[in-house]
Amino acid sequence: MTPPTNTEGAVTDVAAIARGLSPAHRNFLARVCEGRKPGIADRADDRVRQSLRRAGLVQVVQNPRRWVAKPAGEAVYNHLTEQGVTAS
């Protein structure tokens, strides 16, 4: 069975998205959703951040410049916390 998708073919099932996240992805998503500063990114960290941005889970907003979770990212984070999944 394939996970539900939207009209653009993107996966919309929160559980399927959550299962596909690596520990680094879960850690960054948790930091953003909890309002903690993500810190300075090296190349590997930036790849994680940009992949979550492209997936539509987080975005960068200006003035002040910061990362924020989109509704889909909040839903995935809430699913992970309900399941008791930790970032590490």
Protein backbone atom coordinates (compact mmCIF):
# COMPACT_ATOMS: atom_id res chain seq x y z
CA MET A 1 0.00 0.00 0.00
CA THR A 2 1.33 3.43 -0.90
CA PRO A 3 1.00 6.32 1.55
CA PRO A 4 -1.60 9.02 0.84
CA THR A 5 -0.38 11.85 -1.38
CA ASN A 6 -1.60 15.30 -2.34
CA THR A 7 -2.26 16.46 -5.90
CA GLU A 8 1.46 17.11 -6.42
CA GLY A 9 2.42 13.58 -5.40
CA ALA A 10 3.93 14.54 -2.04
CA VAL A 11 3.42 12.13 0.85
CA THR A 12 0.90 13.56 3.31
CA ASP A 13 0.67 10.70 5.83
CA VAL A 14 2.25 12.01 9.05
CA ALA A 15 3.28 8.55 10.26
CA ALA A 16 5.00 7.74 6.95
CA ILE A 17 6.90 11.02 7.02
CA ALA A 18 7.93 10.49 10.65
CA ARG A 19 9.23 6.98 9.88
CA GLY A 20 11.42 8.38 7.12
CA LEU A 21 13.24 10.91 9.30
CA SER A 22 16.79 10.24 10.44
CA PRO A 23 17.88 11.10 14.00
CA ALA A 24 19.47 14.31 12.68
CA HIS A 25 16.19 15.30 10.99
CA ARG A 26 14.19 14.52 14.14
CA ASN A 27 16.65 16.51 16.27
CA PHE A 28 16.44 19.62 14.09
CA LEU A 29 12.65 19.38 13.82
CA ALA A 30 12.40 19.09 17.61
CA ARG A 31 14.64 22.12 18.13
CA VAL A 32 12.54 24.22 15.74
CA CYS A 33 9.19 23.09 17.17
CA GLU A 34 10.35 23.69 20.75
CA GLY A 35 11.63 27.17 19.86
CA ARG A 36 15.27 26.40 20.63
CA LYS A 37 18.00 27.97 18.51
CA PRO A 38 19.41 25.44 16.04
CA GLY A 39 22.93 26.86 16.19
CA ILE A 40 25.46 27.27 13.43
CA ALA A 41 25.27 24.60 10.75
CA ASP A 42 28.11 22.74 9.14
CA ARG A 43 27.64 21.16 5.71
CA ALA A 44 25.89 18.04 7.06
CA ASP A 45 23.57 20.10 9.29
CA ASP A 46 22.68 22.36 6.39
CA ARG A 47 21.76 19.37 4.24
CA VAL A 48 19.37 18.21 6.97
CA ARG A 49 17.81 21.68 7.28
CA GLN A 50 17.39 22.14 3.56
CA SER A 51 15.87 18.69 3.08
CA LEU A 52 13.25 19.46 5.75
CA ARG A 53 12.61 22.82 4.07
CA ARG A 54 12.14 21.16 0.66
CA ALA A 55 9.81 18.60 2.25
CA GLY A 56 7.61 21.44 3.51
CA LEU A 57 8.13 20.78 7.21
CA VAL A 58 10.05 23.95 8.12
CA GLN A 59 10.73 27.35 6.63
CA VAL A 60 12.99 30.34 7.16
CA VAL A 61 11.29 33.60 8.02
CA GLN A 62 12.86 37.03 8.06
CA ASN A 63 13.06 39.87 10.57
CA PRO A 64 14.43 38.36 12.69
CA ARG A 65 15.76 35.55 10.55
CA ARG A 66 14.82 32.22 12.11
CA TRP A 67 13.59 28.71 11.36
CA VAL A 68 9.91 27.95 12.08
CA ALA A 69 7.87 24.79 11.68
CA LYS A 70 5.07 24.67 9.15
CA PRO A 71 1.79 22.93 10.11
CA ALA A 72 3.00 19.68 8.53
CA GLY A 73 6.20 19.87 10.58
CA GLU A 74 4.24 20.49 13.77
CA ALA A 75 2.04 17.47 12.96
CA VAL A 76 5.07 15.23 12.42
CA TYR A 77 6.70 16.51 15.64
CA ASN A 78 3.48 15.90 17.60
CA HIS A 79 3.27 12.38 16.16
CA LEU A 80 6.87 11.68 17.17
CA THR A 81 6.30 12.94 20.72
CA GLU A 82 3.09 10.90 21.05
CA GLN A 83 5.03 7.82 19.94
CA GLY A 84 7.80 8.58 22.42
CA VAL A 85 10.45 8.80 19.71
CA THR A 86 13.51 10.76 20.78
CA ALA A 87 15.88 12.63 18.53
CA SER A 88 18.89 10.44 19.24
